[in-house]
């Protein structure tokens, strides 16, 4: 699930940075990025939570919400390298899934 969200983030970032959905004049692409970021974070957390819940993962929301928010925050700091989104999402989903597993 984390890898899929990472690929989706990479695609959204590349779409915005290519100028296909915005103009490079004024605040066009930056405005599109700033509006897309929270929408993607919320949508990613909700989709991740439902996907993990459908797989009967215990504590699915405790995995999906923090992993998605931390991954999106990390990728904002690594903005020049959007391909790392794939690895960040996958690693954080795996790490938090292990940490929240029932013992």
C-alpha atoms as a PDB file:
ATOM      1  CA  UNK A   1       0.000   0.000   0.000  1.00  0.00           C
ATOM      2  CA  UNK A   2       2.798   2.376   0.874  1.00  0.00           C
ATOM      3  CA  UNK A   3       4.572   1.737  -2.405  1.00  0.00           C
ATOM      4  CA  UNK A   4       1.383   2.438  -4.341  1.00  0.00           C
ATOM      5  CA  UNK A   5       0.901   5.752  -2.518  1.00  0.00           C
ATOM      6  CA  UNK A   6       4.529   6.625  -3.200  1.00  0.00           C
ATOM      7  CA  UNK A   7       4.038   6.032  -6.910  1.00  0.00           C
ATOM      8  CA  UNK A   8       0.862   8.106  -6.848  1.00  0.00           C
ATOM      9  CA  UNK A   9       2.709  10.970  -5.132  1.00  0.00           C
ATOM     10  CA  UNK A  10       5.488  10.814  -7.692  1.00  0.00           C
ATOM     11  CA  UNK A  11       2.949  10.959 -10.518  1.00  0.00           C
ATOM     12  CA  UNK A  12       1.080  13.903  -8.991  1.00  0.00           C
ATOM     13  CA  UNK A  13       4.322  15.803  -8.403  1.00  0.00           C
ATOM     14  CA  UNK A  14       5.538  15.181 -11.955  1.00  0.00           C
ATOM     15  CA  UNK A  15       2.173  16.243 -13.371  1.00  0.00           C
ATOM     16  CA  UNK A  16       2.276  19.520 -11.472  1.00  0.00           C
ATOM     17  CA  UNK A  17       5.953  20.228 -12.194  1.00  0.00           C
ATOM     18  CA  UNK A  18       5.477  19.581 -15.924  1.00  0.00           C
ATOM     19  CA  UNK A  19       3.010  22.453 -16.153  1.00  0.00           C
ATOM     20  CA  UNK A  20       0.262  20.260 -17.605  1.00  0.00           C
ATOM     21  CA  UNK A  21      -2.271  21.310 -14.948  1.00  0.00           C
ATOM     22  CA  UNK A  22      -1.009  24.820 -14.173  1.00  0.00           C
ATOM     23  CA  UNK A  23       0.827  27.777 -15.636  1.00  0.00           C
ATOM     24  CA  UNK A  24       4.320  28.858 -14.691  1.00  0.00           C
ATOM     25  CA  UNK A  25       3.179  32.466 -14.381  1.00  0.00           C
ATOM     26  CA  UNK A  26       2.666  34.084 -10.978  1.00  0.00           C
ATOM     27  CA  UNK A  27       1.897  31.441  -8.358  1.00  0.00           C
ATOM     28  CA  UNK A  28       0.239  28.944 -10.735  1.00  0.00           C
ATOM     29  CA  UNK A  29       2.227  25.743 -10.160  1.00  0.00           C
ATOM     30  CA  UNK A  30       3.180  26.597  -6.595  1.00  0.00           C
ATOM     31  CA  UNK A  31      -0.467  27.286  -5.814  1.00  0.00           C
ATOM     32  CA  UNK A  32      -1.476  23.979  -7.385  1.00  0.00           C
ATOM     33  CA  UNK A  33       1.151  22.168  -5.318  1.00  0.00           C
ATOM     34  CA  UNK A  34       0.149  23.872  -2.065  1.00  0.00           C
ATOM     35  CA  UNK A  35      -3.526  23.014  -2.618  1.00  0.00           C
ATOM     36  CA  UNK A  36      -2.796  19.457  -3.737  1.00  0.00           C
ATOM     37  CA  UNK A  37      -0.524  18.548  -0.834  1.00  0.00           C
ATOM     38  CA  UNK A  38      -3.122  18.466   1.988  1.00  0.00           C
ATOM     39  CA  UNK A  39      -5.732  16.887  -0.280  1.00  0.00           C
ATOM     40  CA  UNK A  40      -3.280  14.139  -1.206  1.00  0.00           C
ATOM     41  CA  UNK A  41      -2.293  13.608   2.439  1.00  0.00           C
ATOM     42  CA  UNK A  42      -5.887  13.179   3.595  1.00  0.00           C
ATOM     43  CA  UNK A  43      -6.887  11.046   0.589  1.00  0.00           C
ATOM     44  CA  UNK A  44      -3.779   8.868   0.999  1.00  0.00           C
ATOM     45  CA  UNK A  45      -4.425   8.304   4.689  1.00  0.00           C
ATOM     46  CA  UNK A  46      -8.078   7.422   4.092  1.00  0.00           C
ATOM     47  CA  UNK A  47      -7.323   5.106   1.155  1.00  0.00           C
ATOM     48  CA  UNK A  48      -4.491   3.471   3.087  1.00  0.00           C
ATOM     49  CA  UNK A  49      -6.692   2.980   6.136  1.00  0.00           C
ATOM     50  CA  UNK A  50      -9.525   1.415   4.146  1.00  0.00           C
ATOM     51  CA  UNK A  51      -7.160  -0.795   2.152  1.00  0.00           C
ATOM     52  CA  UNK A  52      -5.447  -2.074   5.280  1.00  0.00           C
ATOM     53  CA  UNK A  53      -8.807  -2.507   7.020  1.00  0.00           C
ATOM     54  CA  UNK A  54     -10.099  -4.597   4.102  1.00  0.00           C
ATOM     55  CA  UNK A  55      -7.035  -6.825   4.501  1.00  0.00           C
ATOM     56  CA  UNK A  56      -8.052  -7.275   8.147  1.00  0.00           C
ATOM     57  CA  UNK A  57      -4.929  -5.560   9.494  1.00  0.00           C
ATOM     58  CA  UNK A  58      -5.403  -4.838  13.170  1.00  0.00           C
ATOM     59  CA  UNK A  59      -4.961  -1.168  14.007  1.00  0.00           C
ATOM     60  CA  UNK A  60      -5.150  -0.210  10.333  1.00  0.00           C
ATOM     61  CA  UNK A  61      -5.777   3.465  11.048  1.00  0.00           C
ATOM     62  CA  UNK A  62      -2.831   3.597  13.455  1.00  0.00           C
ATOM     63  CA  UNK A  63      -0.690   2.502  10.515  1.00  0.00           C
ATOM     64  CA  UNK A  64      -2.214   4.530   7.690  1.00  0.00           C
ATOM     65  CA  UNK A  65      -2.626   7.987   9.199  1.00  0.00           C
ATOM     66  CA  UNK A  66       0.801   8.540  10.786  1.00  0.00           C
ATOM     67  CA  UNK A  67       2.681   6.795   7.975  1.00  0.00           C
ATOM     68  CA  UNK A  68       1.006   8.917   5.316  1.00  0.00           C
ATOM     69  CA  UNK A  69       1.447  12.179   7.202  1.00  0.00           C
ATOM     70  CA  UNK A  70       5.100  11.474   7.983  1.00  0.00           C
ATOM     71  CA  UNK A  71       5.803  10.410   4.411  1.00  0.00           C
ATOM     72  CA  UNK A  72       4.189  13.528   2.931  1.00  0.00           C
ATOM     73  CA  UNK A  73       6.086  15.743   5.383  1.00  0.00           C
ATOM     74  CA  UNK A  74       9.367  13.992   4.568  1.00  0.00           C
ATOM     75  CA  UNK A  75       8.770  14.380   0.852  1.00  0.00           C
ATOM     76  CA  UNK A  76       8.155  18.104   1.217  1.00  0.00           C
ATOM     77  CA  UNK A  77      11.639  18.367   2.707  1.00  0.00           C
ATOM     78  CA  UNK A  78      13.014  16.166  -0.101  1.00  0.00           C
ATOM     79  CA  UNK A  79      11.168  18.117  -2.784  1.00  0.00           C
ATOM     80  CA  UNK A  80      14.041  18.025  -5.255  1.00  0.00           C
ATOM     81  CA  UNK A  81      13.949  14.220  -5.336  1.00  0.00           C
ATOM     82  CA  UNK A  82      10.317  13.095  -5.768  1.00  0.00           C
ATOM     83  CA  UNK A  83      11.335   9.559  -6.750  1.00  0.00           C
ATOM     84  CA  UNK A  84      12.200   8.962  -3.088  1.00  0.00           C
ATOM     85  CA  UNK A  85       8.470   9.114  -2.336  1.00  0.00           C
ATOM     86  CA  UNK A  86       8.144   5.484  -3.342  1.00  0.00           C
ATOM     87  CA  UNK A  87      10.773   4.361  -0.820  1.00  0.00           C
ATOM     88  CA  UNK A  88       9.581   6.709   1.944  1.00  0.00           C
ATOM     89  CA  UNK A  89       5.959   5.557   1.763  1.00  0.00           C
ATOM     90  CA  UNK A  90       6.894   1.875   1.570  1.00  0.00           C
ATOM     91  CA  UNK A  91       9.393   2.091   4.435  1.00  0.00           C
ATOM     92  CA  UNK A  92       7.103   4.047   6.749  1.00  0.00           C
ATOM     93  CA  UNK A  93       4.101   1.805   6.143  1.00  0.00           C
ATOM     94  CA  UNK A  94       6.273  -1.243   6.847  1.00  0.00           C
ATOM     95  CA  UNK A  95       7.859   0.274   9.956  1.00  0.00           C
ATOM     96  CA  UNK A  96       4.617   1.465  11.498  1.00  0.00           C
ATOM     97  CA  UNK A  97       2.882  -1.824  10.657  1.00  0.00           C
ATOM     98  CA  UNK A  98       5.562  -3.657  12.633  1.00  0.00           C
ATOM     99  CA  UNK A  99       5.458  -1.201  15.527  1.00  0.00           C
ATOM    100  CA  UNK A 100       1.676  -1.361  15.902  1.00  0.00           C
ATOM    101  CA  UNK A 101       1.357  -5.138  15.488  1.00  0.00           C
ATOM    102  CA  UNK A 102      -0.355  -6.960  18.304  1.00  0.00           C
ATOM    103  CA  UNK A 103       1.959  -8.930  20.487  1.00  0.00           C
END
